[in-house]
Amino acid sequence: MKSDPTPGFLTRALRWLKDQLVREVPPEDALCEFDCRKEQCFYDEWATCERRLNRAAGELMPDTPRTPKAPS
């Protein structure tokens, strides 16, 4: 039996391939990447985008939690 803890060739190759295809999206770009309707912005648009700069404040998650009103 083999007790070598190093991963095999196939495991290393699949890990390398995954690392090439799947990348973490930096938090500062996540809003643009996943929640924006535009496919691509020019640099000047991106640099001054109020939605990105304010991190879509209140759009995706309200600032205050919504509580149901008590019945009168």
PDB file of N, CA and C in Angstrom:
ATOM      1  N   MET A   1       0.820  -1.194   0.000  1.00  0.00           N
ATOM      2  CA  MET A   1       0.000   0.000   0.000  1.00  0.00           C
ATOM      3  C   MET A   1       0.857   1.247   0.000  1.00  0.00           C
ATOM      4  N   LYS A   2       0.360   2.228  -0.629  1.00  0.00           N
ATOM      5  CA  LYS A   2       1.077   3.487  -0.737  1.00  0.00           C
ATOM      6  C   LYS A   2       0.607   4.418   0.381  1.00  0.00           C
ATOM      7  N   SER A   3       1.520   4.932   1.166  1.00  0.00           N
ATOM      8  CA  SER A   3       1.154   5.837   2.261  1.00  0.00           C
ATOM      9  C   SER A   3       1.659   7.253   2.006  1.00  0.00           C
ATOM     10  N   ASP A   4       2.024   7.537   0.787  1.00  0.00           N
ATOM     11  CA  ASP A   4       2.534   8.853   0.416  1.00  0.00           C
ATOM     12  C   ASP A   4       1.384   9.869   0.425  1.00  0.00           C
ATOM     13  N   PRO A   5       1.469  10.942   1.227  1.00  0.00           N
ATOM     14  CA  PRO A   5       0.356  11.893   1.316  1.00  0.00           C
ATOM     15  C   PRO A   5       0.289  12.884   0.149  1.00  0.00           C
ATOM     16  N   THR A   6       1.235  12.870  -0.767  1.00  0.00           N
ATOM     17  CA  THR A   6       1.199  13.833  -1.864  1.00  0.00           C
ATOM     18  C   THR A   6       0.118  13.443  -2.859  1.00  0.00           C
ATOM     19  N   PRO A   7      -0.593  14.427  -3.403  1.00  0.00           N
ATOM     20  CA  PRO A   7      -1.654  14.120  -4.370  1.00  0.00           C
ATOM     21  C   PRO A   7      -1.075  13.568  -5.671  1.00  0.00           C
ATOM     22  N   GLY A   8      -1.868  12.769  -6.332  1.00  0.00           N
ATOM     23  CA  GLY A   8      -1.442  12.178  -7.587  1.00  0.00           C
ATOM     24  C   GLY A   8      -1.441  13.184  -8.720  1.00  0.00           C
ATOM     25  N   PHE A   9      -0.953  12.739  -9.859  1.00  0.00           N
ATOM     26  CA  PHE A   9      -0.856  13.598 -11.029  1.00  0.00           C
ATOM     27  C   PHE A   9      -2.221  14.125 -11.447  1.00  0.00           C
ATOM     28  N   LEU A  10      -3.219  13.253 -11.503  1.00  0.00           N
ATOM     29  CA  LEU A  10      -4.551  13.663 -11.943  1.00  0.00           C
ATOM     30  C   LEU A  10      -5.137  14.709 -10.990  1.00  0.00           C
ATOM     31  N   THR A  11      -4.972  14.504  -9.697  1.00  0.00           N
ATOM     32  CA  THR A  11      -5.479  15.464  -8.714  1.00  0.00           C
ATOM     33  C   THR A  11      -4.799  16.821  -8.882  1.00  0.00           C
ATOM     34  N   ARG A  12      -3.488  16.820  -9.052  1.00  0.00           N
ATOM     35  CA  ARG A  12      -2.756  18.072  -9.252  1.00  0.00           C
ATOM     36  C   ARG A  12      -3.179  18.750 -10.550  1.00  0.00           C
ATOM     37  N   ALA A  13      -3.354  17.965 -11.609  1.00  0.00           N
ATOM     38  CA  ALA A  13      -3.758  18.527 -12.901  1.00  0.00           C
ATOM     39  C   ALA A  13      -5.146  19.140 -12.813  1.00  0.00           C
ATOM     40  N   LEU A  14      -6.081  18.469 -12.144  1.00  0.00           N
ATOM     41  CA  LEU A  14      -7.440  19.017 -11.999  1.00  0.00           C
ATOM     42  C   LEU A  14      -7.440  20.274 -11.127  1.00  0.00           C
ATOM     43  N   ARG A  15      -6.636  20.291 -10.084  1.00  0.00           N
ATOM     44  CA  ARG A  15      -6.537  21.481  -9.231  1.00  0.00           C
ATOM     45  C   ARG A  15      -5.969  22.650 -10.025  1.00  0.00           C
ATOM     46  N   TRP A  16      -4.946  22.396 -10.835  1.00  0.00           N
ATOM     47  CA  TRP A  16      -4.359  23.454 -11.661  1.00  0.00           C
ATOM     48  C   TRP A  16      -5.395  23.994 -12.648  1.00  0.00           C
ATOM     49  N   LEU A  17      -6.136  23.087 -13.290  1.00  0.00           N
ATOM     50  CA  LEU A  17      -7.157  23.499 -14.258  1.00  0.00           C
ATOM     51  C   LEU A  17      -8.233  24.337 -13.574  1.00  0.00           C
ATOM     52  N   LYS A  18      -8.689  23.919 -12.406  1.00  0.00           N
ATOM     53  CA  LYS A  18      -9.696  24.682 -11.662  1.00  0.00           C
ATOM     54  C   LYS A  18      -9.169  26.071 -11.330  1.00  0.00           C
ATOM     55  N   ASP A  19      -7.923  26.142 -10.887  1.00  0.00           N
ATOM     56  CA  ASP A  19      -7.333  27.446 -10.556  1.00  0.00           C
ATOM     57  C   ASP A  19      -7.229  28.357 -11.775  1.00  0.00           C
ATOM     58  N   GLN A  20      -7.096  27.788 -12.966  1.00  0.00           N
ATOM     59  CA  GLN A  20      -7.024  28.579 -14.185  1.00  0.00           C
ATOM     60  C   GLN A  20      -8.396  29.083 -14.623  1.00  0.00           C
ATOM     61  N   LEU A  21      -9.448  28.318 -14.363  1.00  0.00           N
ATOM     62  CA  LEU A  21     -10.785  28.643 -14.838  1.00  0.00           C
ATOM     63  C   LEU A  21     -11.623  29.414 -13.834  1.00  0.00           C
ATOM     64  N   VAL A  22     -11.486  29.112 -12.575  1.00  0.00           N
ATOM     65  CA  VAL A  22     -12.333  29.698 -11.544  1.00  0.00           C
ATOM     66  C   VAL A  22     -11.483  30.611 -10.678  1.00  0.00           C
ATOM     67  N   ARG A  23     -11.843  31.863 -10.647  1.00  0.00           N
ATOM     68  CA  ARG A  23     -11.101  32.848  -9.853  1.00  0.00           C
ATOM     69  C   ARG A  23     -12.057  33.521  -8.876  1.00  0.00           C
ATOM     70  N   GLU A  24     -11.529  33.929  -7.748  1.00  0.00           N
ATOM     71  CA  GLU A  24     -12.296  34.713  -6.789  1.00  0.00           C
ATOM     72  C   GLU A  24     -12.501  36.111  -7.364  1.00  0.00           C
ATOM     73  N   VAL A  25     -13.692  36.643  -7.197  1.00  0.00           N
ATOM     74  CA  VAL A  25     -13.959  38.011  -7.624  1.00  0.00           C
ATOM     75  C   VAL A  25     -13.696  38.917  -6.427  1.00  0.00           C
ATOM     76  N   PRO A  26     -12.827  39.917  -6.571  1.00  0.00           N
ATOM     77  CA  PRO A  26     -12.558  40.820  -5.455  1.00  0.00           C
ATOM     78  C   PRO A  26     -13.847  41.508  -5.002  1.00  0.00           C
ATOM     79  N   PRO A  27     -14.015  41.726  -3.703  1.00  0.00           N
ATOM     80  CA  PRO A  27     -15.248  42.350  -3.192  1.00  0.00           C
ATOM     81  C   PRO A  27     -15.577  43.679  -3.861  1.00  0.00           C
ATOM     82  N   GLU A  28     -14.561  44.461  -4.209  1.00  0.00           N
ATOM     83  CA  GLU A  28     -14.826  45.763  -4.833  1.00  0.00           C
ATOM     84  C   GLU A  28     -15.381  45.628  -6.253  1.00  0.00           C
ATOM     85  N   ASP A  29     -15.218  44.464  -6.873  1.00  0.00           N
ATOM     86  CA  ASP A  29     -15.737  44.239  -8.225  1.00  0.00           C
ATOM     87  C   ASP A  29     -16.975  43.345  -8.257  1.00  0.00           C
ATOM     88  N   ALA A  30     -17.326  42.758  -7.139  1.00  0.00           N
ATOM     89  CA  ALA A  30     -18.427  41.792  -7.107  1.00  0.00           C
ATOM     90  C   ALA A  30     -19.759  42.414  -7.530  1.00  0.00           C
ATOM     91  N   LEU A  31     -20.033  43.620  -7.084  1.00  0.00           N
ATOM     92  CA  LEU A  31     -21.293  44.281  -7.439  1.00  0.00           C
ATOM     93  C   LEU A  31     -21.392  44.460  -8.944  1.00  0.00           C
ATOM     94  N   CYS A  32     -20.319  44.912  -9.560  1.00  0.00           N
ATOM     95  CA  CYS A  32     -20.314  45.107 -11.013  1.00  0.00           C
ATOM     96  C   CYS A  32     -20.430  43.766 -11.734  1.00  0.00           C
ATOM     97  N   GLU A  33     -19.722  42.791 -11.253  1.00  0.00           N
ATOM     98  CA  GLU A  33     -19.667  41.493 -11.919  1.00  0.00           C
ATOM     99  C   GLU A  33     -21.001  40.758 -11.885  1.00  0.00           C
ATOM    100  N   PHE A  34     -21.700  40.820 -10.758  1.00  0.00           N
ATOM    101  CA  PHE A  34     -22.883  39.983 -10.579  1.00  0.00           C
ATOM    102  C   PHE A  34     -24.203  40.733 -10.606  1.00  0.00           C
ATOM    103  N   ASP A  35     -24.216  42.024 -10.282  1.00  0.00           N
ATOM    104  CA  ASP A  35     -25.490  42.721 -10.103  1.00  0.00           C
ATOM    105  C   ASP A  35     -25.710  43.913 -11.016  1.00  0.00           C
ATOM    106  N   CYS A  36     -24.876  44.095 -11.995  1.00  0.00           N
ATOM    107  CA  CYS A  36     -25.047  45.238 -12.895  1.00  0.00           C
ATOM    108  C   CYS A  36     -25.603  44.767 -14.237  1.00  0.00           C
ATOM    109  N   ARG A  37     -26.467  45.580 -14.834  1.00  0.00           N
ATOM    110  CA  ARG A  37     -27.061  45.228 -16.123  1.00  0.00           C
ATOM    111  C   ARG A  37     -26.105  45.429 -17.284  1.00  0.00           C
ATOM    112  N   LYS A  38     -25.149  46.339 -17.114  1.00  0.00           N
ATOM    113  CA  LYS A  38     -24.205  46.615 -18.200  1.00  0.00           C
ATOM    114  C   LYS A  38     -23.182  45.491 -18.283  1.00  0.00           C
ATOM    115  N   GLU A  39     -22.851  45.093 -19.489  1.00  0.00           N
ATOM    116  CA  GLU A  39     -21.866  44.042 -19.655  1.00  0.00           C
ATOM    117  C   GLU A  39     -20.443  44.557 -19.483  1.00  0.00           C
ATOM    118  N   GLN A  40     -20.219  45.810 -19.886  1.00  0.00           N
ATOM    119  CA  GLN A  40     -18.883  46.384 -19.758  1.00  0.00           C
ATOM    120  C   GLN A  40     -18.999  47.899 -19.707  1.00  0.00           C
ATOM    121  N   CYS A  41     -18.137  48.510 -18.891  1.00  0.00           N
ATOM    122  CA  CYS A  41     -18.113  49.967 -18.769  1.00  0.00           C
ATOM    123  C   CYS A  41     -16.783  50.490 -19.275  1.00  0.00           C
ATOM    124  N   PHE A  42     -16.811  51.718 -19.766  1.00  0.00           N
ATOM    125  CA  PHE A  42     -15.566  52.409 -20.051  1.00  0.00           C
ATOM    126  C   PHE A  42     -14.946  52.796 -18.721  1.00  0.00           C
ATOM    127  N   TYR A  43     -13.638  53.026 -18.719  1.00  0.00           N
ATOM    128  CA  TYR A  43     -12.954  53.328 -17.458  1.00  0.00           C
ATOM    129  C   TYR A  43     -13.555  54.540 -16.759  1.00  0.00           C
ATOM    130  N   ASP A  44     -13.866  55.605 -17.514  1.00  0.00           N
ATOM    131  CA  ASP A  44     -14.409  56.803 -16.864  1.00  0.00           C
ATOM    132  C   ASP A  44     -15.785  56.538 -16.269  1.00  0.00           C
ATOM    133  N   GLU A  45     -16.584  55.677 -16.897  1.00  0.00           N
ATOM    134  CA  GLU A  45     -17.877  55.303 -16.319  1.00  0.00           C
ATOM    135  C   GLU A  45     -17.673  54.538 -15.015  1.00  0.00           C
ATOM    136  N   TRP A  46     -16.756  53.573 -15.047  1.00  0.00           N
ATOM    137  CA  TRP A  46     -16.499  52.746 -13.876  1.00  0.00           C
ATOM    138  C   TRP A  46     -15.952  53.579 -12.724  1.00  0.00           C
ATOM    139  N   ALA A  47     -15.055  54.500 -13.027  1.00  0.00           N
ATOM    140  CA  ALA A  47     -14.412  55.311 -11.987  1.00  0.00           C
ATOM    141  C   ALA A  47     -15.402  56.219 -11.270  1.00  0.00           C
ATOM    142  N   THR A  48     -16.448  56.654 -11.970  1.00  0.00           N
ATOM    143  CA  THR A  48     -17.406  57.588 -11.376  1.00  0.00           C
ATOM    144  C   THR A  48     -18.770  56.965 -11.113  1.00  0.00           C
ATOM    145  N   CYS A  49     -18.883  55.673 -11.188  1.00  0.00           N
ATOM    146  CA  CYS A  49     -20.174  54.994 -11.020  1.00  0.00           C
ATOM    147  C   CYS A  49     -20.672  55.125  -9.574  1.00  0.00           C
ATOM    148  N   GLU A  50     -21.745  55.888  -9.402  1.00  0.00           N
ATOM    149  CA  GLU A  50     -22.294  56.121  -8.059  1.00  0.00           C
ATOM    150  C   GLU A  50     -22.781  54.817  -7.433  1.00  0.00           C
ATOM    151  N   ARG A  51     -23.386  53.967  -8.226  1.00  0.00           N
ATOM    152  CA  ARG A  51     -23.903  52.694  -7.712  1.00  0.00           C
ATOM    153  C   ARG A  51     -22.765  51.841  -7.155  1.00  0.00           C
ATOM    154  N   ARG A  52     -21.670  51.774  -7.879  1.00  0.00           N
ATOM    155  CA  ARG A  52     -20.520  50.997  -7.420  1.00  0.00           C
ATOM    156  C   ARG A  52     -19.877  51.640  -6.194  1.00  0.00           C
ATOM    157  N   LEU A  53     -19.703  52.970  -6.240  1.00  0.00           N
ATOM    158  CA  LEU A  53     -19.056  53.664  -5.136  1.00  0.00           C
ATOM    159  C   LEU A  53     -19.866  53.584  -3.841  1.00  0.00           C
ATOM    160  N   ASN A  54     -21.182  53.589  -3.966  1.00  0.00           N
ATOM    161  CA  ASN A  54     -22.052  53.489  -2.785  1.00  0.00           C
ATOM    162  C   ASN A  54     -22.429  52.050  -2.472  1.00  0.00           C
ATOM    163  N   ARG A  55     -21.872  51.137  -3.252  1.00  0.00           N
ATOM    164  CA  ARG A  55     -22.143  49.699  -3.091  1.00  0.00           C
ATOM    165  C   ARG A  55     -23.633  49.404  -3.104  1.00  0.00           C
ATOM    166  N   ALA A  56     -24.318  50.048  -4.008  1.00  0.00           N
ATOM    167  CA  ALA A  56     -25.754  49.857  -4.203  1.00  0.00           C
ATOM    168  C   ALA A  56     -26.499  49.962  -2.877  1.00  0.00           C
ATOM    169  N   ALA A  57     -26.170  50.971  -2.122  1.00  0.00           N
ATOM    170  CA  ALA A  57     -26.747  51.148  -0.784  1.00  0.00           C
ATOM    171  C   ALA A  57     -28.265  51.078  -0.830  1.00  0.00           C
ATOM    172  N   GLY A  58     -28.796  50.151  -0.085  1.00  0.00           N
ATOM    173  CA  GLY A  58     -30.234  50.003   0.023  1.00  0.00           C
ATOM    174  C   GLY A  58     -30.899  49.248  -1.103  1.00  0.00           C
ATOM    175  N   GLU A  59     -30.211  49.000  -2.201  1.00  0.00           N
ATOM    176  CA  GLU A  59     -30.831  48.291  -3.320  1.00  0.00           C
ATOM    177  C   GLU A  59     -30.961  46.801  -3.057  1.00  0.00           C
ATOM    178  N   LEU A  60     -29.863  46.200  -2.655  1.00  0.00           N
ATOM    179  CA  LEU A  60     -29.853  44.759  -2.499  1.00  0.00           C
ATOM    180  C   LEU A  60     -30.318  44.341  -1.113  1.00  0.00           C
ATOM    181  N   MET A  61     -29.888  45.073  -0.115  1.00  0.00           N
ATOM    182  CA  MET A  61     -30.303  44.789   1.258  1.00  0.00           C
ATOM    183  C   MET A  61     -30.644  46.119   1.913  1.00  0.00           C
ATOM    184  N   PRO A  62     -31.864  46.288   2.360  1.00  0.00           N
ATOM    185  CA  PRO A  62     -32.237  47.561   2.982  1.00  0.00           C
ATOM    186  C   PRO A  62     -31.365  47.852   4.208  1.00  0.00           C
ATOM    187  N   ASP A  63     -31.143  49.150   4.467  1.00  0.00           N
ATOM    188  CA  ASP A  63     -30.326  49.542   5.612  1.00  0.00           C
ATOM    189  C   ASP A  63     -30.986  49.152   6.944  1.00  0.00           C
ATOM    190  N   THR A  64     -32.286  49.316   7.016  1.00  0.00           N
ATOM    191  CA  THR A  64     -32.996  48.952   8.241  1.00  0.00           C
ATOM    192  C   THR A  64     -33.846  47.720   7.968  1.00  0.00           C
ATOM    193  N   PRO A  65     -33.902  46.808   8.929  1.00  0.00           N
ATOM    194  CA  PRO A  65     -34.716  45.614   8.707  1.00  0.00           C
ATOM    195  C   PRO A  65     -36.193  45.969   8.686  1.00  0.00           C
ATOM    196  N   ARG A  66     -36.902  45.321   7.821  1.00  0.00           N
ATOM    197  CA  ARG A  66     -38.338  45.558   7.723  1.00  0.00           C
ATOM    198  C   ARG A  66     -39.040  44.731   8.798  1.00  0.00           C
ATOM    199  N   THR A  67     -39.832  45.394   9.608  1.00  0.00           N
ATOM    200  CA  THR A  67     -40.601  44.686  10.631  1.00  0.00           C
ATOM    201  C   THR A  67     -42.071  44.877  10.310  1.00  0.00           C
ATOM    202  N   PRO A  68     -42.831  43.828  10.434  1.00  0.00           N
ATOM    203  CA  PRO A  68     -44.267  43.984  10.157  1.00  0.00           C
ATOM    204  C   PRO A  68     -44.926  44.896  11.184  1.00  0.00           C
ATOM    205  N   LYS A  69     -45.864  45.683  10.706  1.00  0.00           N
ATOM    206  CA  LYS A  69     -46.580  46.591  11.609  1.00  0.00           C
ATOM    207  C   LYS A  69     -47.551  45.776  12.469  1.00  0.00           C
ATOM    208  N   ALA A  70     -47.642  46.177  13.710  1.00  0.00           N
ATOM    209  CA  ALA A  70     -48.568  45.499  14.627  1.00  0.00           C
ATOM    210  C   ALA A  70     -49.998  45.850  14.246  1.00  0.00           C
ATOM    211  N   PRO A  71     -50.895  44.858  14.276  1.00  0.00           N
ATOM    212  CA  PRO A  71     -52.298  45.150  13.927  1.00  0.00           C
ATOM    213  C   PRO A  71     -52.921  46.091  14.946  1.00  0.00           C
ATOM    214  N   SER A  72     -53.764  46.990  14.479  1.00  0.00           N
ATOM    215  CA  SER A  72     -54.404  47.977  15.360  1.00  0.00           C
ATOM    216  C   SER A  72     -55.693  47.459  15.899  1.00  0.00           C
TER     217      SER A  72
END
